[in-house]
């Protein structure tokens, strides 16, 4: 998708503070952090949201969660972190390229929201 900002980051056409990348995913610091550690973990493959995923995408989604867990260790937030997936405008999704938010480094309260 040529207009997708995250696709442009994947293609290195737009700058980002990348903290991890492999053949399946890219992770970078959020430009508007909501916690001391706020990393976006995205698939290289474009799909807009969870609703656009297919059964064949399940390994990719699982991989993104494993990357988030690895980054939680690397960024030393394993005492408590949150992985958030927003789907749709009503949930706060503003970039329509599937992505996980890894948040940590502060106390989180429940319910979220």
PDB file of N, CA and C in Angstrom:
ATOM      1  N   UNK A   1       0.851  -1.182   0.000  1.00  0.00           N
ATOM      2  CA  UNK A   1       0.000   0.000   0.000  1.00  0.00           C
ATOM      3  C   UNK A   1       0.892   1.240   0.000  1.00  0.00           C
ATOM      4  N   UNK A   2       0.853   1.976  -1.052  1.00  0.00           N
ATOM      5  CA  UNK A   2       1.746   3.116  -1.180  1.00  0.00           C
ATOM      6  C   UNK A   2       1.401   4.261  -0.239  1.00  0.00           C
ATOM      7  N   UNK A   3       0.155   4.356   0.227  1.00  0.00           N
ATOM      8  CA  UNK A   3      -0.210   5.462   1.107  1.00  0.00           C
ATOM      9  C   UNK A   3      -0.092   5.108   2.590  1.00  0.00           C
ATOM     10  N   UNK A   4       0.211   3.878   2.912  1.00  0.00           N
ATOM     11  CA  UNK A   4       0.282   3.439   4.306  1.00  0.00           C
ATOM     12  C   UNK A   4       1.620   3.854   4.926  1.00  0.00           C
ATOM     13  N   UNK A   5       1.545   4.617   6.000  1.00  0.00           N
ATOM     14  CA  UNK A   5       2.758   5.098   6.667  1.00  0.00           C
ATOM     15  C   UNK A   5       3.608   3.939   7.195  1.00  0.00           C
ATOM     16  N   UNK A   6       2.968   2.888   7.699  1.00  0.00           N
ATOM     17  CA  UNK A   6       3.741   1.759   8.215  1.00  0.00           C
ATOM     18  C   UNK A   6       4.389   0.976   7.078  1.00  0.00           C
ATOM     19  N   UNK A   7       3.723   0.871   5.939  1.00  0.00           N
ATOM     20  CA  UNK A   7       4.351   0.228   4.782  1.00  0.00           C
ATOM     21  C   UNK A   7       5.572   1.020   4.334  1.00  0.00           C
ATOM     22  N   UNK A   8       5.485   2.342   4.428  1.00  0.00           N
ATOM     23  CA  UNK A   8       6.633   3.184   4.075  1.00  0.00           C
ATOM     24  C   UNK A   8       7.785   2.981   5.051  1.00  0.00           C
ATOM     25  N   UNK A   9       7.476   2.763   6.320  1.00  0.00           N
ATOM     26  CA  UNK A   9       8.528   2.470   7.303  1.00  0.00           C
ATOM     27  C   UNK A   9       9.170   1.126   6.982  1.00  0.00           C
ATOM     28  N   UNK A  10       8.361   0.121   6.671  1.00  0.00           N
ATOM     29  CA  UNK A  10       8.876  -1.200   6.304  1.00  0.00           C
ATOM     30  C   UNK A  10       9.807  -1.087   5.097  1.00  0.00           C
ATOM     31  N   UNK A  11       9.407  -0.270   4.126  1.00  0.00           N
ATOM     32  CA  UNK A  11      10.193  -0.113   2.892  1.00  0.00           C
ATOM     33  C   UNK A  11      11.369   0.852   3.055  1.00  0.00           C
ATOM     34  N   UNK A  12      11.536   1.410   4.269  1.00  0.00           N
ATOM     35  CA  UNK A  12      12.607   2.372   4.558  1.00  0.00           C
ATOM     36  C   UNK A  12      12.465   3.658   3.741  1.00  0.00           C
ATOM     37  N   UNK A  13      11.224   3.977   3.385  1.00  0.00           N
ATOM     38  CA  UNK A  13      10.933   5.220   2.680  1.00  0.00           C
ATOM     39  C   UNK A  13      10.575   6.337   3.651  1.00  0.00           C
ATOM     40  N   UNK A  14      10.394   5.985   4.906  1.00  0.00           N
ATOM     41  CA  UNK A  14      10.047   6.946   5.946  1.00  0.00           C
ATOM     42  C   UNK A  14      10.869   6.574   7.177  1.00  0.00           C
ATOM     43  N   UNK A  15      11.412   7.570   7.877  1.00  0.00           N
ATOM     44  CA  UNK A  15      12.251   7.253   9.035  1.00  0.00           C
ATOM     45  C   UNK A  15      11.437   6.772  10.229  1.00  0.00           C
ATOM     46  N   UNK A  16      12.074   5.937  11.019  1.00  0.00           N
ATOM     47  CA  UNK A  16      11.515   5.463  12.282  1.00  0.00           C
ATOM     48  C   UNK A  16      12.683   4.981  13.129  1.00  0.00           C
ATOM     49  N   UNK A  17      12.503   5.003  14.436  1.00  0.00           N
ATOM     50  CA  UNK A  17      13.528   4.480  15.341  1.00  0.00           C
ATOM     51  C   UNK A  17      13.275   2.991  15.518  1.00  0.00           C
ATOM     52  N   UNK A  18      13.807   2.221  14.583  1.00  0.00           N
ATOM     53  CA  UNK A  18      13.596   0.773  14.554  1.00  0.00           C
ATOM     54  C   UNK A  18      14.420   0.125  15.656  1.00  0.00           C
ATOM     55  N   UNK A  19      13.756  -0.732  16.436  1.00  0.00           N
ATOM     56  CA  UNK A  19      14.434  -1.423  17.533  1.00  0.00           C
ATOM     57  C   UNK A  19      14.554  -2.925  17.265  1.00  0.00           C
ATOM     58  N   UNK A  20      13.859  -3.398  16.225  1.00  0.00           N
ATOM     59  CA  UNK A  20      13.918  -4.816  15.889  1.00  0.00           C
ATOM     60  C   UNK A  20      13.362  -4.991  14.481  1.00  0.00           C
ATOM     61  N   UNK A  21      13.956  -5.911  13.727  1.00  0.00           N
ATOM     62  CA  UNK A  21      13.357  -6.317  12.460  1.00  0.00           C
ATOM     63  C   UNK A  21      13.854  -7.693  12.067  1.00  0.00           C
ATOM     64  N   UNK A  22      12.992  -8.410  11.377  1.00  0.00           N
ATOM     65  CA  UNK A  22      13.322  -9.718  10.834  1.00  0.00           C
ATOM     66  C   UNK A  22      12.547  -9.876   9.528  1.00  0.00           C
ATOM     67  N   UNK A  23      12.507 -11.073   8.977  1.00  0.00           N
ATOM     68  CA  UNK A  23      11.846 -11.284   7.688  1.00  0.00           C
ATOM     69  C   UNK A  23      10.334 -11.082   7.737  1.00  0.00           C
ATOM     70  N   UNK A  24       9.750 -11.168   8.940  1.00  0.00           N
ATOM     71  CA  UNK A  24       8.301 -11.117   9.100  1.00  0.00           C
ATOM     72  C   UNK A  24       7.808  -9.815   9.698  1.00  0.00           C
ATOM     73  N   UNK A  25       8.639  -9.156  10.515  1.00  0.00           N
ATOM     74  CA  UNK A  25       8.150  -8.028  11.312  1.00  0.00           C
ATOM     75  C   UNK A  25       9.167  -6.907  11.438  1.00  0.00           C
ATOM     76  N   UNK A  26       8.640  -5.758  11.853  1.00  0.00           N
ATOM     77  CA  UNK A  26       9.459  -4.585  12.168  1.00  0.00           C
ATOM     78  C   UNK A  26       8.882  -4.001  13.454  1.00  0.00           C
ATOM     79  N   UNK A  27       9.741  -3.557  14.352  1.00  0.00           N
ATOM     80  CA  UNK A  27       9.294  -2.911  15.590  1.00  0.00           C
ATOM     81  C   UNK A  27      10.033  -1.584  15.721  1.00  0.00           C
ATOM     82  N   UNK A  28       9.284  -0.558  16.121  1.00  0.00           N
ATOM     83  CA  UNK A  28       9.876   0.767  16.240  1.00  0.00           C
ATOM     84  C   UNK A  28       9.194   1.548  17.354  1.00  0.00           C
ATOM     85  N   UNK A  29       9.871   2.585  17.820  1.00  0.00           N
ATOM     86  CA  UNK A  29       9.340   3.409  18.897  1.00  0.00           C
ATOM     87  C   UNK A  29       8.172   4.244  18.388  1.00  0.00           C
ATOM     88  N   UNK A  30       7.122   4.324  19.203  1.00  0.00           N
ATOM     89  CA  UNK A  30       5.961   5.137  18.862  1.00  0.00           C
ATOM     90  C   UNK A  30       6.340   6.616  18.943  1.00  0.00           C
ATOM     91  N   UNK A  31       5.876   7.416  17.995  1.00  0.00           N
ATOM     92  CA  UNK A  31       6.216   8.851  18.003  1.00  0.00           C
ATOM     93  C   UNK A  31       5.389   9.639  19.019  1.00  0.00           C
ATOM     94  N   UNK A  32       4.349   9.018  19.561  1.00  0.00           N
ATOM     95  CA  UNK A  32       3.511   9.652  20.576  1.00  0.00           C
ATOM     96  C   UNK A  32       3.362   8.673  21.748  1.00  0.00           C
ATOM     97  N   UNK A  33       4.447   8.427  22.488  1.00  0.00           N
ATOM     98  CA  UNK A  33       4.424   7.364  23.501  1.00  0.00           C
ATOM     99  C   UNK A  33       3.432   7.625  24.628  1.00  0.00           C
ATOM    100  N   UNK A  34       2.761   6.546  25.027  1.00  0.00           N
ATOM    101  CA  UNK A  34       1.795   6.585  26.122  1.00  0.00           C
ATOM    102  C   UNK A  34       2.345   5.941  27.387  1.00  0.00           C
ATOM    103  N   UNK A  35       3.604   5.557  27.347  1.00  0.00           N
ATOM    104  CA  UNK A  35       4.306   4.958  28.483  1.00  0.00           C
ATOM    105  C   UNK A  35       5.799   5.162  28.242  1.00  0.00           C
ATOM    106  N   UNK A  36       6.626   5.003  29.287  1.00  0.00           N
ATOM    107  CA  UNK A  36       8.072   5.151  29.083  1.00  0.00           C
ATOM    108  C   UNK A  36       8.618   4.249  27.974  1.00  0.00           C
ATOM    109  N   UNK A  37       8.062   3.045  27.846  1.00  0.00           N
ATOM    110  CA  UNK A  37       8.384   2.173  26.717  1.00  0.00           C
ATOM    111  C   UNK A  37       7.100   2.013  25.918  1.00  0.00           C
ATOM    112  N   UNK A  38       7.130   2.427  24.662  1.00  0.00           N
ATOM    113  CA  UNK A  38       5.970   2.280  23.774  1.00  0.00           C
ATOM    114  C   UNK A  38       6.509   1.942  22.398  1.00  0.00           C
ATOM    115  N   UNK A  39       6.397   0.668  22.062  1.00  0.00           N
ATOM    116  CA  UNK A  39       6.938   0.136  20.820  1.00  0.00           C
ATOM    117  C   UNK A  39       5.788  -0.407  19.983  1.00  0.00           C
ATOM    118  N   UNK A  40       5.817  -0.124  18.693  1.00  0.00           N
ATOM    119  CA  UNK A  40       4.854  -0.699  17.762  1.00  0.00           C
ATOM    120  C   UNK A  40       5.510  -1.885  17.073  1.00  0.00           C
ATOM    121  N   UNK A  41       4.810  -3.005  17.049  1.00  0.00           N
ATOM    122  CA  UNK A  41       5.297  -4.224  16.402  1.00  0.00           C
ATOM    123  C   UNK A  41       4.340  -4.506  15.245  1.00  0.00           C
ATOM    124  N   UNK A  42       4.877  -4.498  14.025  1.00  0.00           N
ATOM    125  CA  UNK A  42       4.026  -4.615  12.846  1.00  0.00           C
ATOM    126  C   UNK A  42       4.505  -5.747  11.943  1.00  0.00           C
ATOM    127  N   UNK A  43       3.586  -6.333  11.185  1.00  0.00           N
ATOM    128  CA  UNK A  43       3.999  -7.299  10.165  1.00  0.00           C
ATOM    129  C   UNK A  43       4.494  -6.556   8.919  1.00  0.00           C
ATOM    130  N   UNK A  44       5.408  -7.165   8.220  1.00  0.00           N
ATOM    131  CA  UNK A  44       5.828  -6.578   6.943  1.00  0.00           C
ATOM    132  C   UNK A  44       4.676  -6.631   5.940  1.00  0.00           C
ATOM    133  N   UNK A  45       3.893  -7.685   6.020  1.00  0.00           N
ATOM    134  CA  UNK A  45       2.723  -7.835   5.153  1.00  0.00           C
ATOM    135  C   UNK A  45       1.650  -6.846   5.601  1.00  0.00           C
ATOM    136  N   UNK A  46       1.036  -6.178   4.645  1.00  0.00           N
ATOM    137  CA  UNK A  46      -0.020  -5.224   4.982  1.00  0.00           C
ATOM    138  C   UNK A  46      -1.366  -5.923   5.085  1.00  0.00           C
ATOM    139  N   UNK A  47      -2.023  -5.757   6.207  1.00  0.00           N
ATOM    140  CA  UNK A  47      -3.459  -5.959   6.339  1.00  0.00           C
ATOM    141  C   UNK A  47      -3.909  -4.917   7.342  1.00  0.00           C
ATOM    142  N   UNK A  48      -5.054  -4.311   7.093  1.00  0.00           N
ATOM    143  CA  UNK A  48      -5.460  -3.111   7.817  1.00  0.00           C
ATOM    144  C   UNK A  48      -5.765  -3.350   9.283  1.00  0.00           C
ATOM    145  N   UNK A  49      -6.389  -4.474   9.601  1.00  0.00           N
ATOM    146  CA  UNK A  49      -6.812  -4.690  10.985  1.00  0.00           C
ATOM    147  C   UNK A  49      -7.005  -6.178  11.227  1.00  0.00           C
ATOM    148  N   UNK A  50      -7.355  -6.517  12.454  1.00  0.00           N
ATOM    149  CA  UNK A  50      -7.611  -7.910  12.808  1.00  0.00           C
ATOM    150  C   UNK A  50      -8.728  -8.491  11.949  1.00  0.00           C
ATOM    151  N   UNK A  51      -9.663  -7.666  11.572  1.00  0.00           N
ATOM    152  CA  UNK A  51     -10.788  -8.150  10.765  1.00  0.00           C
ATOM    153  C   UNK A  51     -10.373  -8.575   9.365  1.00  0.00           C
ATOM    154  N   UNK A  52      -9.241  -8.116   8.891  1.00  0.00           N
ATOM    155  CA  UNK A  52      -8.767  -8.489   7.558  1.00  0.00           C
ATOM    156  C   UNK A  52      -7.841  -9.698   7.579  1.00  0.00           C
ATOM    157  N   UNK A  53      -7.545 -10.217   8.748  1.00  0.00           N
ATOM    158  CA  UNK A  53      -6.641 -11.359   8.803  1.00  0.00           C
ATOM    159  C   UNK A  53      -7.332 -12.613   8.280  1.00  0.00           C
ATOM    160  N   UNK A  54      -6.504 -13.524   7.843  1.00  0.00           N
ATOM    161  CA  UNK A  54      -6.973 -14.823   7.375  1.00  0.00           C
ATOM    162  C   UNK A  54      -6.299 -15.894   8.206  1.00  0.00           C
ATOM    163  N   UNK A  55      -6.774 -17.098   8.118  1.00  0.00           N
ATOM    164  CA  UNK A  55      -6.191 -18.210   8.878  1.00  0.00           C
ATOM    165  C   UNK A  55      -4.687 -18.313   8.601  1.00  0.00           C
ATOM    166  N   UNK A  56      -4.287 -18.040   7.376  1.00  0.00           N
ATOM    167  CA  UNK A  56      -2.869 -18.118   7.004  1.00  0.00           C
ATOM    168  C   UNK A  56      -2.024 -17.071   7.719  1.00  0.00           C
ATOM    169  N   UNK A  57      -2.657 -16.033   8.276  1.00  0.00           N
ATOM    170  CA  UNK A  57      -1.926 -14.988   8.993  1.00  0.00           C
ATOM    171  C   UNK A  57      -1.666 -15.352  10.455  1.00  0.00           C
ATOM    172  N   UNK A  58      -2.244 -16.423  10.948  1.00  0.00           N
ATOM    173  CA  UNK A  58      -2.093 -16.796  12.358  1.00  0.00           C
ATOM    174  C   UNK A  58      -0.631 -16.923  12.784  1.00  0.00           C
ATOM    175  N   UNK A  59       0.242 -17.555  12.008  1.00  0.00           N
ATOM    176  CA  UNK A  59       1.646 -17.611  12.426  1.00  0.00           C
ATOM    177  C   UNK A  59       2.299 -16.233  12.533  1.00  0.00           C
ATOM    178  N   UNK A  60       1.929 -15.316  11.662  1.00  0.00           N
ATOM    179  CA  UNK A  60       2.479 -13.963  11.711  1.00  0.00           C
ATOM    180  C   UNK A  60       2.036 -13.267  12.993  1.00  0.00           C
ATOM    181  N   UNK A  61       0.763 -13.386  13.321  1.00  0.00           N
ATOM    182  CA  UNK A  61       0.238 -12.750  14.525  1.00  0.00           C
ATOM    183  C   UNK A  61       0.900 -13.334  15.771  1.00  0.00           C
ATOM    184  N   UNK A  62       1.071 -14.625  15.806  1.00  0.00           N
ATOM    185  CA  UNK A  62       1.788 -15.249  16.918  1.00  0.00           C
ATOM    186  C   UNK A  62       3.222 -14.769  17.001  1.00  0.00           C
ATOM    187  N   UNK A  63       3.864 -14.628  15.860  1.00  0.00           N
ATOM    188  CA  UNK A  63       5.245 -14.143  15.816  1.00  0.00           C
ATOM    189  C   UNK A  63       5.341 -12.727  16.381  1.00  0.00           C
ATOM    190  N   UNK A  64       4.382 -11.871  16.047  1.00  0.00           N
ATOM    191  CA  UNK A  64       4.395 -10.501  16.565  1.00  0.00           C
ATOM    192  C   UNK A  64       4.337 -10.502  18.090  1.00  0.00           C
ATOM    193  N   UNK A  65       3.550 -11.398  18.664  1.00  0.00           N
ATOM    194  CA  UNK A  65       3.478 -11.499  20.123  1.00  0.00           C
ATOM    195  C   UNK A  65       4.808 -11.974  20.716  1.00  0.00           C
ATOM    196  N   UNK A  66       5.462 -12.901  20.044  1.00  0.00           N
ATOM    197  CA  UNK A  66       6.765 -13.373  20.518  1.00  0.00           C
ATOM    198  C   UNK A  66       7.800 -12.245  20.429  1.00  0.00           C
ATOM    199  N   UNK A  67       7.756 -11.454  19.369  1.00  0.00           N
ATOM    200  CA  UNK A  67       8.661 -10.313  19.238  1.00  0.00           C
ATOM    201  C   UNK A  67       8.406  -9.332  20.375  1.00  0.00           C
ATOM    202  N   UNK A  68       7.144  -9.062  20.672  1.00  0.00           N
ATOM    203  CA  UNK A  68       6.815  -8.151  21.773  1.00  0.00           C
ATOM    204  C   UNK A  68       7.378  -8.669  23.092  1.00  0.00           C
ATOM    205  N   UNK A  69       7.253  -9.961  23.345  1.00  0.00           N
ATOM    206  CA  UNK A  69       7.789 -10.538  24.586  1.00  0.00           C
ATOM    207  C   UNK A  69       9.314 -10.424  24.634  1.00  0.00           C
ATOM    208  N   UNK A  70       9.962 -10.644  23.520  1.00  0.00           N
ATOM    209  CA  UNK A  70      11.424 -10.503  23.444  1.00  0.00           C
ATOM    210  C   UNK A  70      11.834  -9.057  23.725  1.00  0.00           C
ATOM    211  N   UNK A  71      11.111  -8.115  23.139  1.00  0.00           N
ATOM    212  CA  UNK A  71      11.422  -6.701  23.357  1.00  0.00           C
ATOM    213  C   UNK A  71      11.144  -6.283  24.798  1.00  0.00           C
ATOM    214  N   UNK A  72      10.124  -6.865  25.425  1.00  0.00           N
ATOM    215  CA  UNK A  72       9.852  -6.576  26.839  1.00  0.00           C
ATOM    216  C   UNK A  72      11.061  -6.952  27.682  1.00  0.00           C
ATOM    217  N   UNK A  73      11.678  -8.079  27.370  1.00  0.00           N
ATOM    218  CA  UNK A  73      12.894  -8.477  28.092  1.00  0.00           C
ATOM    219  C   UNK A  73      14.031  -7.509  27.790  1.00  0.00           C
ATOM    220  N   UNK A  74      14.220  -7.202  26.525  1.00  0.00           N
ATOM    221  CA  UNK A  74      15.316  -6.310  26.119  1.00  0.00           C
ATOM    222  C   UNK A  74      15.185  -4.927  26.748  1.00  0.00           C
ATOM    223  N   UNK A  75      13.960  -4.432  26.850  1.00  0.00           N
ATOM    224  CA  UNK A  75      13.726  -3.100  27.413  1.00  0.00           C
ATOM    225  C   UNK A  75      13.454  -3.141  28.923  1.00  0.00           C
ATOM    226  N   UNK A  76      13.624  -4.336  29.518  1.00  0.00           N
ATOM    227  CA  UNK A  76      13.547  -4.525  30.970  1.00  0.00           C
ATOM    228  C   UNK A  76      12.214  -4.060  31.567  1.00  0.00           C
ATOM    229  N   UNK A  77      11.122  -4.506  30.941  1.00  0.00           N
ATOM    230  CA  UNK A  77       9.794  -4.170  31.461  1.00  0.00           C
ATOM    231  C   UNK A  77       9.013  -5.431  31.833  1.00  0.00           C
ATOM    232  N   UNK A  78       9.716  -6.508  32.118  1.00  0.00           N
ATOM    233  CA  UNK A  78       9.042  -7.773  32.391  1.00  0.00           C
ATOM    234  C   UNK A  78       8.332  -7.811  33.744  1.00  0.00           C
ATOM    235  N   UNK A  79       8.479  -6.767  34.560  1.00  0.00           N
ATOM    236  CA  UNK A  79       7.716  -6.715  35.811  1.00  0.00           C
ATOM    237  C   UNK A  79       6.249  -6.385  35.544  1.00  0.00           C
ATOM    238  N   UNK A  80       5.931  -5.984  34.340  1.00  0.00           N
ATOM    239  CA  UNK A  80       4.557  -5.707  33.951  1.00  0.00           C
ATOM    240  C   UNK A  80       4.515  -4.890  32.677  1.00  0.00           C
ATOM    241  N   UNK A  81       3.854  -5.418  31.682  1.00  0.00           N
ATOM    242  CA  UNK A  81       3.699  -4.689  30.428  1.00  0.00           C
ATOM    243  C   UNK A  81       2.360  -5.052  29.818  1.00  0.00           C
ATOM    244  N   UNK A  82       1.971  -4.266  28.854  1.00  0.00           N
ATOM    245  CA  UNK A  82       0.692  -4.475  28.192  1.00  0.00           C
ATOM    246  C   UNK A  82       0.938  -4.569  26.689  1.00  0.00           C
ATOM    247  N   UNK A  83       0.240  -5.499  26.057  1.00  0.00           N
ATOM    248  CA  UNK A  83       0.223  -5.594  24.597  1.00  0.00           C
ATOM    249  C   UNK A  83      -1.193  -5.251  24.171  1.00  0.00           C
ATOM    250  N   UNK A  84      -1.318  -4.217  23.345  1.00  0.00           N
ATOM    251  CA  UNK A  84      -2.633  -3.711  22.952  1.00  0.00           C
ATOM    252  C   UNK A  84      -2.791  -3.824  21.438  1.00  0.00           C
ATOM    253  N   UNK A  85      -3.971  -4.253  21.026  1.00  0.00           N
ATOM    254  CA  UNK A  85      -4.338  -4.312  19.618  1.00  0.00           C
ATOM    255  C   UNK A  85      -5.652  -3.559  19.460  1.00  0.00           C
ATOM    256  N   UNK A  86      -5.617  -2.430  18.775  1.00  0.00           N
ATOM    257  CA  UNK A  86      -6.829  -1.657  18.508  1.00  0.00           C
ATOM    258  C   UNK A  86      -7.341  -2.036  17.125  1.00  0.00           C
ATOM    259  N   UNK A  87      -8.644  -2.273  17.030  1.00  0.00           N
ATOM    260  CA  UNK A  87      -9.246  -2.617  15.748  1.00  0.00           C
ATOM    261  C   UNK A  87     -10.400  -1.673  15.472  1.00  0.00           C
ATOM    262  N   UNK A  88     -10.221  -0.808  14.495  1.00  0.00           N
ATOM    263  CA  UNK A  88     -11.255   0.137  14.099  1.00  0.00           C
ATOM    264  C   UNK A  88     -11.128   1.483  14.793  1.00  0.00           C
ATOM    265  N   UNK A  89     -11.707   2.480  14.171  1.00  0.00           N
ATOM    266  CA  UNK A  89     -11.647   3.843  14.708  1.00  0.00           C
ATOM    267  C   UNK A  89     -12.230   3.944  16.110  1.00  0.00           C
ATOM    268  N   UNK A  90     -13.322   3.240  16.354  1.00  0.00           N
ATOM    269  CA  UNK A  90     -13.976   3.293  17.654  1.00  0.00           C
ATOM    270  C   UNK A  90     -13.103   2.780  18.784  1.00  0.00           C
ATOM    271  N   UNK A  91     -12.110   1.969  18.458  1.00  0.00           N
ATOM    272  CA  UNK A  91     -11.177   1.447  19.458  1.00  0.00           C
ATOM    273  C   UNK A  91      -9.899   2.266  19.521  1.00  0.00           C
ATOM    274  N   UNK A  92      -9.798   3.286  18.662  1.00  0.00           N
ATOM    275  CA  UNK A  92      -8.623   4.139  18.681  1.00  0.00           C
ATOM    276  C   UNK A  92      -7.595   3.838  17.613  1.00  0.00           C
ATOM    277  N   UNK A  93      -7.894   2.924  16.693  1.00  0.00           N
ATOM    278  CA  UNK A  93      -6.929   2.652  15.629  1.00  0.00           C
ATOM    279  C   UNK A  93      -6.846   3.859  14.720  1.00  0.00           C
ATOM    280  N   UNK A  94      -5.642   4.385  14.530  1.00  0.00           N
ATOM    281  CA  UNK A  94      -5.466   5.560  13.679  1.00  0.00           C
ATOM    282  C   UNK A  94      -4.616   5.266  12.443  1.00  0.00           C
ATOM    283  N   UNK A  95      -3.822   4.210  12.481  1.00  0.00           N
ATOM    284  CA  UNK A  95      -3.067   3.770  11.309  1.00  0.00           C
ATOM    285  C   UNK A  95      -3.618   2.399  10.945  1.00  0.00           C
ATOM    286  N   UNK A  96      -4.113   2.275   9.739  1.00  0.00           N
ATOM    287  CA  UNK A  96      -4.787   1.044   9.337  1.00  0.00           C
ATOM    288  C   UNK A  96      -3.824   0.078   8.645  1.00  0.00           C
ATOM    289  N   UNK A  97      -2.875  -0.358   9.472  1.00  0.00           N
ATOM    290  CA  UNK A  97      -1.930  -1.438   9.176  1.00  0.00           C
ATOM    291  C   UNK A  97      -1.844  -2.186  10.498  1.00  0.00           C
ATOM    292  N   UNK A  98      -2.208  -3.447  10.515  1.00  0.00           N
ATOM    293  CA  UNK A  98      -2.240  -4.233  11.736  1.00  0.00           C
ATOM    294  C   UNK A  98      -0.978  -3.976  12.558  1.00  0.00           C
ATOM    295  N   UNK A  99      -1.134  -3.730  13.857  1.00  0.00           N
ATOM    296  CA  UNK A  99       0.034  -3.515  14.714  1.00  0.00           C
ATOM    297  C   UNK A  99      -0.322  -3.738  16.182  1.00  0.00           C
ATOM    298  N   UNK A 100       0.685  -4.147  16.923  1.00  0.00           N
ATOM    299  CA  UNK A 100       0.583  -4.292  18.367  1.00  0.00           C
ATOM    300  C   UNK A 100       1.309  -3.138  19.029  1.00  0.00           C
ATOM    301  N   UNK A 101       0.756  -2.663  20.133  1.00  0.00           N
ATOM    302  CA  UNK A 101       1.434  -1.684  20.969  1.00  0.00           C
ATOM    303  C   UNK A 101       2.019  -2.447  22.158  1.00  0.00           C
ATOM    304  N   UNK A 102       3.306  -2.340  22.373  1.00  0.00           N
ATOM    305  CA  UNK A 102       3.958  -2.863  23.571  1.00  0.00           C
ATOM    306  C   UNK A 102       4.199  -1.672  24.484  1.00  0.00           C
ATOM    307  N   UNK A 103       3.553  -1.683  25.647  1.00  0.00           N
ATOM    308  CA  UNK A 103       3.643  -0.569  26.594  1.00  0.00           C
ATOM    309  C   UNK A 103       4.175  -1.071  27.927  1.00  0.00           C
ATOM    310  N   UNK A 104       5.093  -0.326  28.517  1.00  0.00           N
ATOM    311  CA  UNK A 104       5.627  -0.708  29.815  1.00  0.00           C
ATOM    312  C   UNK A 104       6.417   0.417  30.440  1.00  0.00           C
ATOM    313  N   UNK A 105       6.896   0.148  31.649  1.00  0.00           N
ATOM    314  CA  UNK A 105       7.702   1.142  32.345  1.00  0.00           C
ATOM    315  C   UNK A 105       6.904   2.023  33.279  1.00  0.00           C
ATOM    316  N   UNK A 106       5.631   1.710  33.458  1.00  0.00           N
ATOM    317  CA  UNK A 106       4.792   2.432  34.415  1.00  0.00           C
ATOM    318  C   UNK A 106       3.699   1.485  34.895  1.00  0.00           C
ATOM    319  N   UNK A 107       2.994   1.886  35.937  1.00  0.00           N
ATOM    320  CA  UNK A 107       1.885   1.100  36.464  1.00  0.00           C
ATOM    321  C   UNK A 107       0.660   1.311  35.569  1.00  0.00           C
ATOM    322  N   UNK A 108      -0.012   0.234  35.238  1.00  0.00           N
ATOM    323  CA  UNK A 108      -1.245   0.294  34.467  1.00  0.00           C
ATOM    324  C   UNK A 108      -2.401  -0.059  35.374  1.00  0.00           C
ATOM    325  N   UNK A 109      -3.528   0.542  35.111  1.00  0.00           N
ATOM    326  CA  UNK A 109      -4.713   0.290  35.926  1.00  0.00           C
ATOM    327  C   UNK A 109      -5.755  -0.460  35.108  1.00  0.00           C
ATOM    328  N   UNK A 110      -6.676  -1.060  35.813  1.00  0.00           N
ATOM    329  CA  UNK A 110      -7.757  -1.795  35.163  1.00  0.00           C
ATOM    330  C   UNK A 110      -9.066  -1.313  35.702  1.00  0.00           C
ATOM    331  N   UNK A 111     -10.073  -1.101  34.940  1.00  0.00           N
ATOM    332  CA  UNK A 111     -10.098  -1.432  33.518  1.00  0.00           C
ATOM    333  C   UNK A 111      -9.317  -0.421  32.679  1.00  0.00           C
ATOM    334  N   UNK A 112      -8.837  -0.909  31.558  1.00  0.00           N
ATOM    335  CA  UNK A 112      -8.134  -0.041  30.615  1.00  0.00           C
ATOM    336  C   UNK A 112      -9.156   0.883  29.970  1.00  0.00           C
ATOM    337  N   UNK A 113      -8.694   1.944  29.427  1.00  0.00           N
ATOM    338  CA  UNK A 113      -9.647   2.702  28.670  1.00  0.00           C
ATOM    339  C   UNK A 113      -9.650   4.133  28.840  1.00  0.00           C
TER     340      UNK A 113
END
